[in-house]
Amino acid sequence: MPDETAEERLLRYETVLDLQVREIDRLRTENERLRTVAGAHGVLKEIYLDPDAPQGTRIKAAQAALNFEKPRLESVPPALDVVSEEIEDLATLVAKRRKRQDELCPQSASDLPPIEVLPIADGRRSNGNGSGNST
């Protein structure tokens, strides 16, 4: 700017200096705001939610915050100690249970009184309600 006078140059420098001071103040305020937000995740969240931030910056902040918001799926050990039981066939299981029952109740079937089934007087079958009729 060869036609510029010393006063115009000084005014231009003052304008540039004023713009720089404003930008420094804005950056200081932004820096302080980011430091007071609740931790690193809060800063990242605030950046990616800011519609005025550049898209690339928002994407990077969202990627960095993703692991905090949605944890990775990993295998989790079982809550209880699962002991694998040996599977027995039904015949073996029934034999064991019968043996146990015999030990608990040593009476044999021959020691029990016989079950007597009495016919109903009118020849009808009983419905099991004890009254001998179907009502």
Foldseek 3Di string as FASTA:
>chain_A
DVVDDPVNVVVVVVVVVVVVVVVVVVVVVVVVVLVPADDPLRSLVVQLVDPPHDPVSNVVSCVVNVCVVDPDDDDDDDPDPDDDDDDDDPVVVVVVVVVVVCVVPVDDPVNDDDDDDDADPVRDDAPPPPPRDDD
